[in-house]
Amino acid sequence: MTSEIATKSRVLRIGQGRYDLETGALTAADGTPIHLRKQSADVLAVLSSNPGQVVDREALVQAVWKDIATTDDSLIQCIADIRRALGKEVIETYPKIGYRLVAVAAYADHPAERPRNRLRQFAAVGVCVLFAVGLGLWFKTDPSGFYADGTAIVPPRVVPNKTLAVLPFVNLGGGDELQFFGDGLSEDLTTDLAKIPDLTVIAFASSGDFPQAEAGFREIAENLGVRYLVRGTVRHSNDRVRINVSLIDPFEGVNVWAERFDRVRQNPFDVQEDVTRAIVDALSLSLNANVVPSRVATDAYFMLLRGLEPLREGTIEGNRRAREYFEKALELEPNYARAHAYIAVAYGRDMMFDYAAPSQRQSVQPGLQAAIAAIQLDPDIPNAYYALAVLNLAIGENDKALAAARHSIQLNRNFAEGYAILAEASVYGGDLEEALESIQHAKRLHPHHPARFDWVEAHVHLQLGDADTARALLEKTVEEAPGFAAAFVLLAAAYAEQGEHQRAKSVLAALRAQQPGFRVGEFVASAPFVSEDRRQRLDNALQRANRD
């Protein structure tokens, strides 16, 4: 993404065209006039007065149409006109926010202004420079493993007898305020075990749905699709903690292994390392050298564990509170890579779930900065690359999103979120077969997955021409997540693909009644498609739904 900004040059170079800021004249490189209809020319004038900056959609409408009643489709059509005249890359879409004109100064008449404007250029490309720093770190870390050539990810084969889930450790003392310690230990143990070759570990976001589990282990194992369960209890007493851990074979009704660990609570990492090694030995697997957890100040670690609780809520308020805890962890340990990574994840979720719609553009740069900081400190944290994938997909940087997603999976072959974001990025501009394999494997790793996973799989099926499967998934999605607008859009498209246009109309009407400000045309136009054929397929189906 190029964003060279010039505000004092009278002439801007926009794609292959030239735009005179004083006269409004638009010409080709050879001086031939380029004609735009008046409203499109007015939109270009507003964008050109703010080159390199995101201009709010509402501000554009107000400036061009003033007090005239209009729809968002009029603005979308003007943007399309400009792209047809100058190239589709000259205007970047920021979903639900606005548009950004990519332009550079034509300095022929103003050589004296070059140095000053150069400084503005460097400031404007700060985010891209940050990503380039991260890219360089990846290559230095593992030049052959970054999938820079776009090599497809093939999900590993799941061996039924080597599947496992870690249940939340039950807090037996110390009050509910210390439950974060047991949950955090369980989640960390899940992460560490997931790095072991040949072992399939279910995401803690799924196994965490079984707190206080003291019985019914066979039913839990069948629900999660695993052979083994790890369960534990935590009892706090003053500054000490006693942790009992069992590796259960629920189908045979026996403990494969059980152990008790007495530790000073200020040294939780010893417990984590001991438990991981003991379980690996019990399952007769080889221990990967990278499993040993990194060590940081204990108070910072506890702050991180506290932040993971609200992050799991998946709410606006939870996201904000999580960031506050992660930032407190950084106050105690400024070089805490995991805290930087989870801050990036929180910003990424702001973008993904539209939590911060009015301020999304402010979420991108701090999110990318946090992810790059994490990678600089520890290049082996998959969550940092996951956040990079989410943030780059949100701003239309599909290649970077795909690369980051693939690298997160390379670091953790059991990373359900990594497979899911790889599938989502792929449906917009990657290999659809890879996307389908990835999202289905993500659902295996995360049986209690969020509705978004079904939405991604449905989108893949829809693009592959399988409207029947897409429809079934989307009907389930809108039932489970009635506020998920994108699911309604795809369901309407699936109905239209099946020729059920009246049902498609009804779905869109329900969406408009629920969210009056939602614009289907804007949603399709702003979606980060690299493949225009795929965008067109979706748009054509929705056009049929509205027309028939």
Protein backbone atom coordinates (compact mmCIF):
# COMPACT_ATOMS: atom_id res chain seq x y z
CA MET A 1 0.00 0.00 0.00
CA THR A 2 1.46 3.36 -1.06
CA SER A 3 0.43 6.55 0.66
CA GLU A 4 2.62 9.40 -0.47
CA ILE A 5 1.00 12.63 0.54
CA ALA A 6 1.44 16.10 -0.92
CA THR A 7 -0.68 19.01 0.19
CA LYS A 8 1.13 21.98 -1.37
CA SER A 9 1.75 20.85 -4.91
CA ARG A 10 -0.90 22.23 -7.31
CA VAL A 11 -0.95 18.98 -9.30
CA LEU A 12 -1.49 15.45 -8.04
CA ARG A 13 -0.58 12.29 -9.90
CA ILE A 14 -3.44 9.83 -9.39
CA GLY A 15 -2.77 6.52 -11.08
CA GLN A 16 -2.02 7.42 -14.72
CA GLY A 17 -3.91 10.71 -14.45
CA ARG A 18 -3.06 14.25 -13.37
CA TYR A 19 -5.38 16.38 -11.25
CA ASP A 20 -5.01 20.17 -10.94
CA LEU A 21 -6.09 21.22 -7.46
CA GLU A 22 -6.74 24.83 -8.54
CA THR A 23 -8.75 24.25 -11.71
CA GLY A 24 -10.15 20.77 -11.09
CA ALA A 25 -8.86 19.66 -14.50
CA LEU A 26 -8.26 15.92 -14.83
CA THR A 27 -5.98 14.77 -17.63
CA ALA A 28 -4.15 11.67 -18.81
CA ALA A 29 -0.34 11.56 -18.79
CA ASP A 30 -0.29 12.85 -22.39
CA GLY A 31 -2.54 15.79 -21.55
CA THR A 32 -5.76 14.29 -22.93
CA PRO A 33 -8.75 15.40 -20.82
CA ILE A 34 -10.47 12.74 -18.69
CA HIS A 35 -14.17 13.41 -18.23
CA LEU A 36 -16.15 12.49 -15.13
CA ARG A 37 -19.80 13.21 -14.46
CA LYS A 38 -20.29 16.14 -12.10
CA GLN A 39 -20.95 14.25 -8.87
CA SER A 40 -18.00 11.92 -9.45
CA ALA A 41 -15.80 14.96 -10.15
CA ASP A 42 -17.02 16.57 -6.93
CA VAL A 43 -16.17 13.42 -4.94
CA LEU A 44 -12.69 13.40 -6.49
CA ALA A 45 -12.26 17.07 -5.56
CA VAL A 46 -13.01 16.35 -1.89
CA LEU A 47 -10.67 13.34 -1.81
CA SER A 48 -7.94 15.29 -3.62
CA SER A 49 -8.07 18.04 -1.02
CA ASN A 50 -7.14 15.36 1.54
CA PRO A 51 -4.70 13.08 -0.33
CA GLY A 52 -3.47 10.12 1.66
CA GLN A 53 -6.06 10.65 4.38
CA VAL A 54 -9.22 8.68 5.10
CA VAL A 55 -12.25 10.86 4.41
CA ASP A 56 -15.43 9.94 6.28
CA ARG A 57 -18.23 8.62 4.12
CA GLU A 58 -20.69 11.02 5.81
CA ALA A 59 -18.37 13.96 5.14
CA LEU A 60 -18.21 13.05 1.45
CA VAL A 61 -21.98 12.79 1.16
CA GLN A 62 -22.47 16.11 2.96
CA ALA A 63 -19.87 17.89 0.82
CA VAL A 64 -21.15 16.62 -2.53
CA TRP A 65 -24.90 16.31 -2.03
CA LYS A 66 -25.32 18.82 0.82
CA ASP A 67 -29.02 18.94 1.73
CA ILE A 68 -30.12 16.67 -1.12
CA ALA A 69 -31.54 13.34 0.04
CA THR A 70 -29.49 10.50 -1.40
CA THR A 71 -28.46 6.91 -0.74
CA ASP A 72 -25.03 5.43 -0.17
CA ASP A 73 -25.32 3.76 -3.56
CA SER A 74 -24.80 7.16 -5.20
CA LEU A 75 -21.44 7.58 -3.46
CA ILE A 76 -20.45 4.00 -4.26
CA GLN A 77 -21.22 4.63 -7.94
CA CYS A 78 -19.06 7.77 -7.95
CA ILE A 79 -16.16 5.86 -6.41
CA ALA A 80 -16.60 3.22 -9.12
CA ASP A 81 -16.53 5.93 -11.81
CA ILE A 82 -13.24 7.32 -10.51
CA ARG A 83 -11.69 3.86 -10.31
CA ARG A 84 -12.75 3.06 -13.88
CA ALA A 85 -11.16 6.28 -15.10
CA LEU A 86 -7.92 6.18 -13.10
CA GLY A 87 -7.44 2.59 -11.89
CA LYS A 88 -9.06 0.60 -9.10
CA GLU A 89 -6.00 0.98 -6.86
CA VAL A 90 -6.25 4.79 -6.64
CA ILE A 91 -8.98 4.73 -3.96
CA GLU A 92 -8.76 2.52 -0.90
CA THR A 93 -11.97 1.53 0.89
CA TYR A 94 -12.05 1.53 4.68
CA PRO A 95 -15.16 -0.54 5.47
CA LYS A 96 -17.92 1.45 7.21
CA ILE A 97 -15.56 4.43 7.59
CA GLY A 98 -14.73 6.09 4.29
CA TYR A 99 -12.27 6.29 1.44
CA ARG A 100 -8.62 7.23 0.96
CA LEU A 101 -7.10 8.65 -2.23
CA VAL A 102 -3.68 7.28 -3.14
CA ALA A 103 -1.90 10.17 -4.85
CA VAL A 104 1.58 11.68 -5.19
CA ALA A 105 2.60 15.21 -5.95
CA ALA A 106 3.61 16.02 -9.51
CA TYR A 107 6.64 18.16 -8.67
CA ALA A 108 7.50 19.44 -12.13
CA ASP A 109 6.35 22.95 -11.26
CA HIS A 110 7.40 22.88 -7.59
CA PRO A 111 10.89 21.41 -7.10
CA ALA A 112 11.51 23.46 -3.98
CA GLU A 113 8.73 21.68 -2.13
CA ARG A 114 10.17 18.17 -2.47
CA PRO A 115 12.09 17.88 0.83
CA ARG A 116 9.24 19.10 2.99
CA ASN A 117 6.68 16.83 1.38
CA ARG A 118 9.11 13.92 1.64
CA LEU A 119 8.84 14.13 5.42
CA ARG A 120 5.08 13.86 5.16
CA GLN A 121 5.49 10.81 2.99
CA PHE A 122 7.62 9.06 5.59
CA ALA A 123 5.08 9.86 8.30
CA ALA A 124 2.22 8.54 6.21
CA VAL A 125 3.79 5.15 5.49
CA GLY A 126 4.62 4.44 9.13
CA VAL A 127 2.30 1.47 9.38
CA CYS A 128 3.71 -0.08 6.21
CA VAL A 129 7.27 0.39 7.48
CA LEU A 130 6.29 -1.35 10.68
CA PHE A 131 4.92 -4.29 8.74
CA ALA A 132 8.09 -4.42 6.65
CA VAL A 133 10.15 -4.64 9.85
CA GLY A 134 8.05 -7.61 10.94
CA LEU A 135 8.39 -9.20 7.52
CA GLY A 136 12.17 -8.95 7.75
CA LEU A 137 12.12 -10.55 11.17
CA TRP A 138 10.11 -13.50 9.86
CA PHE A 139 12.62 -14.17 7.13
CA LYS A 140 15.54 -13.92 9.52
CA THR A 141 13.80 -16.26 11.91
CA ASP A 142 12.96 -18.96 9.37
CA PRO A 143 13.54 -18.06 5.72
CA SER A 144 12.05 -21.29 4.42
CA GLY A 145 9.02 -21.44 6.64
CA PHE A 146 7.22 -18.16 6.12
CA TYR A 147 5.28 -19.40 3.10
CA ALA A 148 6.36 -16.28 1.21
CA ASP A 149 5.74 -18.14 -2.04
CA GLY A 150 2.09 -18.67 -1.12
CA THR A 151 2.46 -22.40 -0.46
CA ALA A 152 -0.92 -23.70 0.64
CA ILE A 153 -1.47 -24.87 4.19
CA VAL A 154 -2.54 -28.51 4.45
CA PRO A 155 -4.15 -29.20 7.85
CA PRO A 156 -2.43 -32.12 9.61
CA ARG A 157 -4.12 -35.49 9.92
CA VAL A 158 -5.94 -35.92 13.21
CA VAL A 159 -4.95 -39.15 14.99
CA PRO A 160 -7.92 -40.04 17.28
CA ASN A 161 -5.74 -41.56 20.01
CA LYS A 162 -3.61 -38.42 20.18
CA THR A 163 -6.35 -35.86 20.83
CA LEU A 164 -6.65 -33.93 24.06
CA ALA A 165 -8.49 -31.05 25.74
CA VAL A 166 -7.50 -29.13 28.87
CA LEU A 167 -10.47 -28.35 31.12
CA PRO A 168 -10.52 -25.22 33.30
CA PHE A 169 -8.72 -25.87 36.54
CA VAL A 170 -11.21 -25.73 39.42
CA ASN A 171 -10.49 -23.13 42.10
CA LEU A 172 -10.91 -24.74 45.55
CA GLY A 173 -9.74 -21.88 47.72
CA GLY A 174 -8.79 -18.25 47.70
CA GLY A 175 -12.11 -16.88 46.49
CA ASP A 176 -13.53 -16.26 43.06
CA GLU A 177 -11.09 -13.40 42.51
CA LEU A 178 -8.32 -15.99 42.07
CA GLN A 179 -10.18 -18.06 39.47
CA PHE A 180 -8.15 -16.19 36.84
CA PHE A 181 -5.08 -18.10 38.03
CA GLY A 182 -6.58 -21.51 37.31
CA ASP A 183 -8.09 -20.40 34.00
CA GLY A 184 -4.84 -18.81 32.96
CA LEU A 185 -2.85 -21.90 33.87
CA SER A 186 -5.28 -24.03 31.85
CA GLU A 187 -5.04 -21.76 28.82
CA ASP A 188 -1.24 -21.60 29.00
CA LEU A 189 -1.05 -25.37 29.31
CA THR A 190 -3.29 -25.69 26.23
CA THR A 191 -0.98 -23.38 24.30
CA ASP A 192 2.16 -25.27 25.32
CA LEU A 193 0.74 -28.72 24.62
CA ALA A 194 -0.45 -27.52 21.22
CA LYS A 195 3.19 -27.13 20.15
CA ILE A 196 3.89 -30.84 20.53
CA PRO A 197 4.16 -32.72 17.22
CA ASP A 198 1.41 -35.30 16.52
CA LEU A 199 -0.82 -34.08 19.34
CA THR A 200 -4.16 -32.42 18.46
CA VAL A 201 -5.24 -30.06 21.23
CA ILE A 202 -8.72 -28.52 21.31
CA ALA A 203 -8.90 -24.74 21.70
CA PHE A 204 -9.37 -23.59 25.28
CA ALA A 205 -12.23 -21.41 24.04
CA SER A 206 -14.15 -24.69 23.58
CA SER A 207 -12.93 -26.72 26.55
CA GLY A 208 -13.39 -23.63 28.74
CA ASP A 209 -17.13 -24.16 28.40
CA PHE A 210 -16.89 -26.90 31.06
CA PRO A 211 -15.95 -25.11 34.30
CA GLN A 212 -16.24 -26.90 37.62
CA ALA A 213 -16.27 -30.26 35.81
CA GLU A 214 -16.11 -33.03 38.40
CA ALA A 215 -17.99 -35.75 36.54
CA GLY A 216 -19.43 -36.66 33.17
CA PHE A 217 -15.99 -36.77 31.60
CA ARG A 218 -16.97 -39.23 28.89
CA GLU A 219 -19.76 -36.93 27.72
CA ILE A 220 -17.37 -33.97 27.71
CA ALA A 221 -14.78 -35.91 25.71
CA GLU A 222 -17.41 -36.98 23.18
CA ASN A 223 -18.67 -33.41 22.92
CA LEU A 224 -15.17 -32.10 22.22
CA GLY A 225 -14.15 -35.06 20.05
CA VAL A 226 -11.06 -36.05 22.05
CA ARG A 227 -9.59 -39.20 23.62
CA TYR A 228 -7.98 -37.62 26.69
CA LEU A 229 -8.84 -34.84 29.12
CA VAL A 230 -6.57 -32.89 31.44
CA ARG A 231 -8.27 -31.66 34.56
CA GLY A 232 -6.93 -29.96 37.63
CA THR A 233 -7.72 -28.24 40.90
CA VAL A 234 -6.04 -25.23 42.45
CA ARG A 235 -6.01 -24.51 46.19
CA HIS A 236 -4.50 -21.26 47.46
CA SER A 237 -3.15 -20.85 50.98
CA ASN A 238 -1.43 -17.58 51.80
CA ASP A 239 1.53 -17.35 49.43
CA ARG A 240 1.46 -21.00 48.40
CA VAL A 241 -0.59 -22.88 45.84
CA ARG A 242 -1.30 -26.62 45.56
CA ILE A 243 -2.21 -27.90 42.11
CA ASN A 244 -3.56 -31.39 41.50
CA VAL A 245 -3.51 -32.47 37.86
CA SER A 246 -4.87 -35.62 36.21
CA LEU A 247 -4.66 -36.96 32.69
CA ILE A 248 -7.94 -38.86 32.21
CA ASP A 249 -8.93 -41.56 29.76
CA PRO A 250 -12.70 -41.07 30.13
CA PHE A 251 -13.59 -44.03 27.89
CA GLU A 252 -11.69 -46.48 30.08
CA GLY A 253 -12.63 -44.59 33.22
CA VAL A 254 -9.06 -44.35 34.53
CA ASN A 255 -6.43 -41.78 35.32
CA VAL A 256 -3.49 -42.28 32.98
CA TRP A 257 -1.43 -40.08 35.23
CA ALA A 258 -1.92 -37.87 38.29
CA GLU A 259 0.41 -35.60 40.19
CA ARG A 260 0.40 -32.94 42.90
CA PHE A 261 2.49 -29.78 42.72
CA ASP A 262 3.16 -27.55 45.75
CA ARG A 263 4.66 -24.22 44.82
CA VAL A 264 5.08 -20.67 45.98
CA ARG A 265 2.40 -18.82 44.07
CA GLN A 266 4.90 -16.25 42.90
CA ASN A 267 6.58 -18.89 40.75
CA PRO A 268 3.79 -20.24 38.52
CA PHE A 269 6.05 -21.07 35.59
CA ASP A 270 7.64 -24.04 37.31
CA VAL A 271 4.21 -25.63 37.65
CA GLN A 272 3.37 -24.99 34.03
CA GLU A 273 6.62 -26.52 32.82
CA ASP A 274 6.41 -29.55 35.15
CA VAL A 275 2.81 -30.32 34.19
CA THR A 276 3.52 -30.06 30.47
CA ARG A 277 6.50 -32.39 30.64
CA ALA A 278 4.68 -34.92 32.85
CA ILE A 279 1.69 -35.14 30.49
CA VAL A 280 3.97 -35.56 27.49
CA ASP A 281 5.77 -38.40 29.26
CA ALA A 282 2.45 -40.00 30.15
CA LEU A 283 1.38 -40.00 26.52
CA SER A 284 4.81 -41.26 25.41
CA LEU A 285 5.37 -38.37 23.02
CA SER A 286 8.60 -36.59 22.24
CA LEU A 287 8.90 -33.20 23.91
CA ASN A 288 9.49 -30.27 21.59
CA ALA A 289 12.27 -28.05 22.91
CA ASN A 290 10.13 -24.95 22.35
CA VAL A 291 7.50 -26.03 24.86
CA VAL A 292 9.34 -24.60 27.90
CA PRO A 293 7.50 -21.36 28.78
CA SER A 294 9.33 -18.05 28.76
CA ARG A 295 9.73 -16.31 32.09
CA VAL A 296 8.72 -12.78 33.02
CA ALA A 297 8.00 -10.89 36.20
CA THR A 298 5.28 -12.76 38.08
CA ASP A 299 3.15 -9.66 38.72
CA ALA A 300 3.15 -8.93 34.99
CA TYR A 301 2.12 -12.52 34.28
CA PHE A 302 -0.78 -12.24 36.73
CA MET A 303 -1.91 -9.03 35.03
CA LEU A 304 -1.88 -10.85 31.70
CA LEU A 305 -3.98 -13.67 33.17
CA ARG A 306 -6.47 -11.13 34.49
CA GLY A 307 -6.72 -9.59 31.03
CA LEU A 308 -7.49 -12.91 29.38
CA GLU A 309 -10.75 -13.17 31.35
CA PRO A 310 -12.49 -10.13 29.81
CA LEU A 311 -10.90 -10.86 26.42
CA ARG A 312 -12.80 -14.17 26.34
CA GLU A 313 -16.12 -12.32 26.75
CA GLY A 314 -16.13 -11.15 23.15
CA THR A 315 -17.77 -7.82 24.08
CA ILE A 316 -16.91 -4.16 23.57
CA GLU A 317 -16.44 -3.59 27.28
CA GLY A 318 -14.50 -6.82 27.73
CA ASN A 319 -12.11 -5.86 24.96
CA ARG A 320 -11.46 -2.48 26.57
CA ARG A 321 -10.88 -3.93 30.04
CA ALA A 322 -8.57 -6.59 28.63
CA ARG A 323 -6.37 -3.93 27.05
CA GLU A 324 -6.16 -2.10 30.35
CA TYR A 325 -4.78 -5.22 32.08
CA PHE A 326 -2.33 -5.93 29.26
CA GLU A 327 -1.09 -2.35 29.41
CA LYS A 328 -0.61 -2.69 33.17
CA ALA A 329 1.42 -5.82 32.50
CA LEU A 330 3.65 -3.76 30.22
CA GLU A 331 4.11 -1.14 32.93
CA LEU A 332 5.55 -3.91 35.09
CA GLU A 333 7.45 -5.63 32.27
CA PRO A 334 7.89 -3.33 29.21
CA ASN A 335 9.42 -6.14 27.12
CA TYR A 336 6.63 -8.64 27.77
CA ALA A 337 6.00 -10.03 24.29
CA ARG A 338 2.75 -11.81 25.12
CA ALA A 339 1.21 -8.62 26.53
CA HIS A 340 2.07 -6.77 23.32
CA ALA A 341 0.60 -9.65 21.30
CA TYR A 342 -2.70 -9.70 23.20
CA ILE A 343 -3.04 -5.93 22.87
CA ALA A 344 -2.72 -6.47 19.12
CA VAL A 345 -5.35 -9.24 19.29
CA ALA A 346 -7.74 -6.92 21.14
CA TYR A 347 -7.34 -4.25 18.46
CA GLY A 348 -7.77 -6.88 15.77
CA ARG A 349 -11.04 -7.99 17.32
CA ASP A 350 -12.19 -4.38 17.35
CA MET A 351 -11.83 -4.44 13.58
CA MET A 352 -13.19 -7.95 13.05
CA PHE A 353 -16.35 -7.58 15.08
CA ASP A 354 -16.91 -3.90 14.33
CA TYR A 355 -16.70 -3.00 18.01
CA ALA A 356 -14.97 0.29 17.24
CA ALA A 357 -16.81 1.36 14.08
CA PRO A 358 -16.50 5.14 14.70
CA SER A 359 -12.78 4.86 15.40
CA GLN A 360 -11.65 1.85 13.40
CA ARG A 361 -8.89 3.76 11.67
CA GLN A 362 -7.36 4.49 15.08
CA SER A 363 -7.38 0.75 15.81
CA VAL A 364 -5.17 -0.22 12.87
CA GLN A 365 -1.90 1.55 13.63
CA PRO A 366 -1.68 0.81 17.39
CA GLY A 367 -2.71 -2.77 16.66
CA LEU A 368 0.03 -3.21 14.08
CA GLN A 369 2.56 -1.49 16.35
CA ALA A 370 1.71 -3.87 19.20
CA ALA A 371 1.98 -6.92 16.94
CA ILE A 372 5.35 -5.85 15.56
CA ALA A 373 6.61 -5.10 19.09
CA ALA A 374 5.63 -8.62 20.13
CA ILE A 375 7.39 -10.15 17.11
CA GLN A 376 10.55 -8.14 17.74
CA LEU A 377 10.65 -9.44 21.31
CA ASP A 378 9.61 -13.01 20.52
CA PRO A 379 9.14 -14.08 16.88
CA ASP A 380 7.44 -17.33 17.91
CA ILE A 381 4.12 -15.98 19.22
CA PRO A 382 1.30 -17.08 16.89
CA ASN A 383 -1.20 -14.60 18.34
CA ALA A 384 0.88 -11.68 17.08
CA TYR A 385 0.72 -12.99 13.52
CA TYR A 386 -2.98 -13.71 13.90
CA ALA A 387 -3.52 -10.07 14.86
CA LEU A 388 -1.48 -8.97 11.85
CA ALA A 389 -3.68 -11.11 9.63
CA VAL A 390 -6.91 -9.65 11.03
CA LEU A 391 -5.73 -6.04 10.83
CA ASN A 392 -4.32 -6.35 7.34
CA LEU A 393 -7.45 -8.08 6.05
CA ALA A 394 -9.56 -5.28 7.51
CA ILE A 395 -7.65 -2.67 5.49
CA GLY A 396 -7.58 -4.74 2.31
CA GLU A 397 -3.97 -5.97 2.45
CA ASN A 398 -4.92 -9.52 1.47
CA ASP A 399 -1.43 -10.84 0.65
CA LYS A 400 -0.08 -9.69 4.02
CA ALA A 401 -3.09 -11.19 5.79
CA LEU A 402 -2.58 -14.56 4.08
CA ALA A 403 1.15 -14.59 4.86
CA ALA A 404 0.61 -13.71 8.52
CA ALA A 405 -2.15 -16.31 8.92
CA ARG A 406 0.01 -19.04 7.41
CA HIS A 407 2.90 -18.15 9.69
CA SER A 408 0.69 -18.28 12.79
CA ILE A 409 -0.27 -21.85 11.84
CA GLN A 410 3.34 -22.78 11.18
CA LEU A 411 4.13 -21.71 14.75
CA ASN A 412 1.16 -23.61 16.23
CA ARG A 413 -0.39 -26.39 14.16
CA ASN A 414 -3.36 -26.47 16.59
CA PHE A 415 -4.17 -22.76 16.30
CA ALA A 416 -7.89 -22.70 15.44
CA GLU A 417 -8.05 -18.91 15.06
CA GLY A 418 -5.11 -19.03 12.64
CA TYR A 419 -6.89 -21.53 10.37
CA ALA A 420 -10.09 -19.47 10.54
CA ILE A 421 -8.48 -16.18 9.54
CA LEU A 422 -6.54 -17.96 6.78
CA ALA A 423 -9.86 -19.23 5.41
CA GLU A 424 -11.47 -15.80 5.66
CA ALA A 425 -8.61 -14.10 3.84
CA SER A 426 -8.57 -16.85 1.21
CA VAL A 427 -12.24 -16.49 0.37
CA TYR A 428 -11.58 -12.89 -0.67
CA GLY A 429 -8.58 -13.61 -2.85
CA GLY A 430 -6.91 -16.96 -2.23
CA ASP A 431 -7.38 -20.63 -2.95
CA LEU A 432 -10.96 -21.66 -2.17
CA GLU A 433 -10.06 -25.32 -1.62
CA GLU A 434 -7.43 -24.28 0.91
CA ALA A 435 -10.01 -22.00 2.51
CA LEU A 436 -12.49 -24.87 2.88
CA GLU A 437 -9.93 -27.25 4.38
CA SER A 438 -8.73 -24.53 6.76
CA ILE A 439 -12.11 -23.51 8.13
CA GLN A 440 -13.25 -27.11 8.56
CA HIS A 441 -10.06 -27.90 10.47
CA ALA A 442 -10.55 -24.76 12.59
CA LYS A 443 -13.99 -26.08 13.54
CA ARG A 444 -12.50 -29.46 14.49
CA LEU A 445 -10.01 -27.72 16.77
CA HIS A 446 -12.69 -25.43 18.21
CA PRO A 447 -15.93 -27.49 18.46
CA HIS A 448 -17.73 -24.67 20.28
CA HIS A 449 -16.61 -22.17 17.68
CA PRO A 450 -18.19 -18.72 17.28
CA ALA A 451 -20.84 -18.14 14.61
CA ARG A 452 -18.23 -16.42 12.45
CA PHE A 453 -16.61 -19.79 11.67
CA ASP A 454 -19.85 -21.07 10.11
CA TRP A 455 -20.20 -17.79 8.21
CA VAL A 456 -16.71 -18.16 6.72
CA GLU A 457 -17.39 -21.76 5.68
CA ALA A 458 -20.71 -20.74 4.15
CA HIS A 459 -19.00 -17.99 2.17
CA VAL A 460 -16.50 -20.51 0.79
CA HIS A 461 -19.30 -22.88 -0.26
CA LEU A 462 -21.21 -20.02 -1.87
CA GLN A 463 -18.18 -19.02 -3.93
CA LEU A 464 -17.67 -22.67 -4.91
CA GLY A 465 -21.25 -22.79 -6.21
CA ASP A 466 -22.68 -24.94 -3.40
CA ALA A 467 -25.59 -22.75 -2.31
CA ASP A 468 -27.36 -25.64 -0.54
CA THR A 469 -24.57 -26.17 2.00
CA ALA A 470 -24.07 -22.44 2.39
CA ARG A 471 -27.78 -21.96 3.08
CA ALA A 472 -27.86 -24.59 5.84
CA LEU A 473 -24.86 -23.06 7.58
CA LEU A 474 -26.20 -19.52 7.30
CA GLU A 475 -29.67 -20.38 8.60
CA LYS A 476 -27.93 -21.79 11.67
CA THR A 477 -25.70 -18.70 11.93
CA VAL A 478 -28.50 -16.11 11.87
CA GLU A 479 -30.36 -18.14 14.49
CA GLU A 480 -27.34 -18.26 16.81
CA ALA A 481 -26.16 -14.70 16.10
CA PRO A 482 -29.20 -12.60 15.14
CA GLY A 483 -27.15 -9.40 15.18
CA PHE A 484 -24.56 -10.67 12.67
CA ALA A 485 -25.46 -8.55 9.62
CA ALA A 486 -22.99 -10.21 7.25
CA ALA A 487 -24.71 -13.56 7.79
CA PHE A 488 -28.04 -12.08 6.65
CA VAL A 489 -26.39 -10.74 3.50
CA LEU A 490 -24.90 -14.11 2.57
CA LEU A 491 -28.13 -15.93 3.41
CA ALA A 492 -30.04 -13.65 1.04
CA ALA A 493 -27.43 -14.37 -1.65
CA ALA A 494 -27.76 -18.13 -1.04
CA TYR A 495 -31.54 -17.96 -1.39
CA ALA A 496 -31.16 -15.93 -4.59
CA GLU A 497 -28.70 -18.48 -5.98
CA GLN A 498 -31.37 -21.13 -5.40
CA GLY A 499 -34.00 -19.03 -7.16
CA GLU A 500 -35.91 -18.28 -3.94
CA HIS A 501 -35.96 -14.54 -4.51
CA GLN A 502 -38.90 -13.78 -2.23
CA ARG A 503 -37.13 -15.42 0.71
CA ALA A 504 -33.99 -13.45 -0.17
CA LYS A 505 -36.02 -10.22 -0.13
CA SER A 506 -37.51 -11.14 3.24
CA VAL A 507 -34.07 -11.72 4.76
CA LEU A 508 -32.81 -8.33 3.52
CA ALA A 509 -35.98 -6.65 4.80
CA ALA A 510 -35.42 -8.22 8.22
CA LEU A 511 -31.85 -6.96 8.21
CA ARG A 512 -32.92 -3.40 7.32
CA ALA A 513 -35.56 -3.44 10.05
CA GLN A 514 -32.99 -4.61 12.59
CA GLN A 515 -30.19 -2.28 11.45
CA PRO A 516 -31.67 0.71 9.58
CA GLY A 517 -28.24 2.17 8.87
CA PHE A 518 -26.90 -0.96 7.18
CA ARG A 519 -26.34 -0.68 3.40
CA VAL A 520 -26.01 -3.91 1.46
CA GLY A 521 -24.40 -2.22 -1.54
CA GLU A 522 -21.79 -0.59 0.67
CA PHE A 523 -21.11 -3.88 2.42
CA VAL A 524 -20.35 -5.63 -0.88
CA ALA A 525 -18.35 -2.71 -2.27
CA SER A 526 -16.22 -2.37 0.86
CA ALA A 527 -15.57 -6.08 1.42
CA PRO A 528 -11.82 -6.77 0.99
CA PHE A 529 -12.16 -8.83 -2.19
CA VAL A 530 -9.03 -9.19 -4.29
CA SER A 531 -10.95 -11.29 -6.79
CA GLU A 532 -13.46 -9.00 -8.48
CA ASP A 533 -15.15 -12.09 -9.94
CA ARG A 534 -16.01 -13.22 -6.41
CA ARG A 535 -17.29 -9.78 -5.46
CA GLN A 536 -19.36 -9.75 -8.64
CA ARG A 537 -20.83 -13.18 -7.90
CA LEU A 538 -22.07 -12.00 -4.53
CA ASP A 539 -23.29 -8.69 -5.94
CA ASN A 540 -25.15 -10.37 -8.81
CA ALA A 541 -27.03 -12.66 -6.43
CA LEU A 542 -28.05 -9.74 -4.24
CA GLN A 543 -29.09 -7.70 -7.28
CA ARG A 544 -31.41 -10.53 -8.32
CA ALA A 545 -32.88 -10.61 -4.85
CA ASN A 546 -33.65 -6.89 -4.99
CA ARG A 547 -34.89 -6.91 -8.59
CA ASP A 548 -37.18 -9.93 -8.86
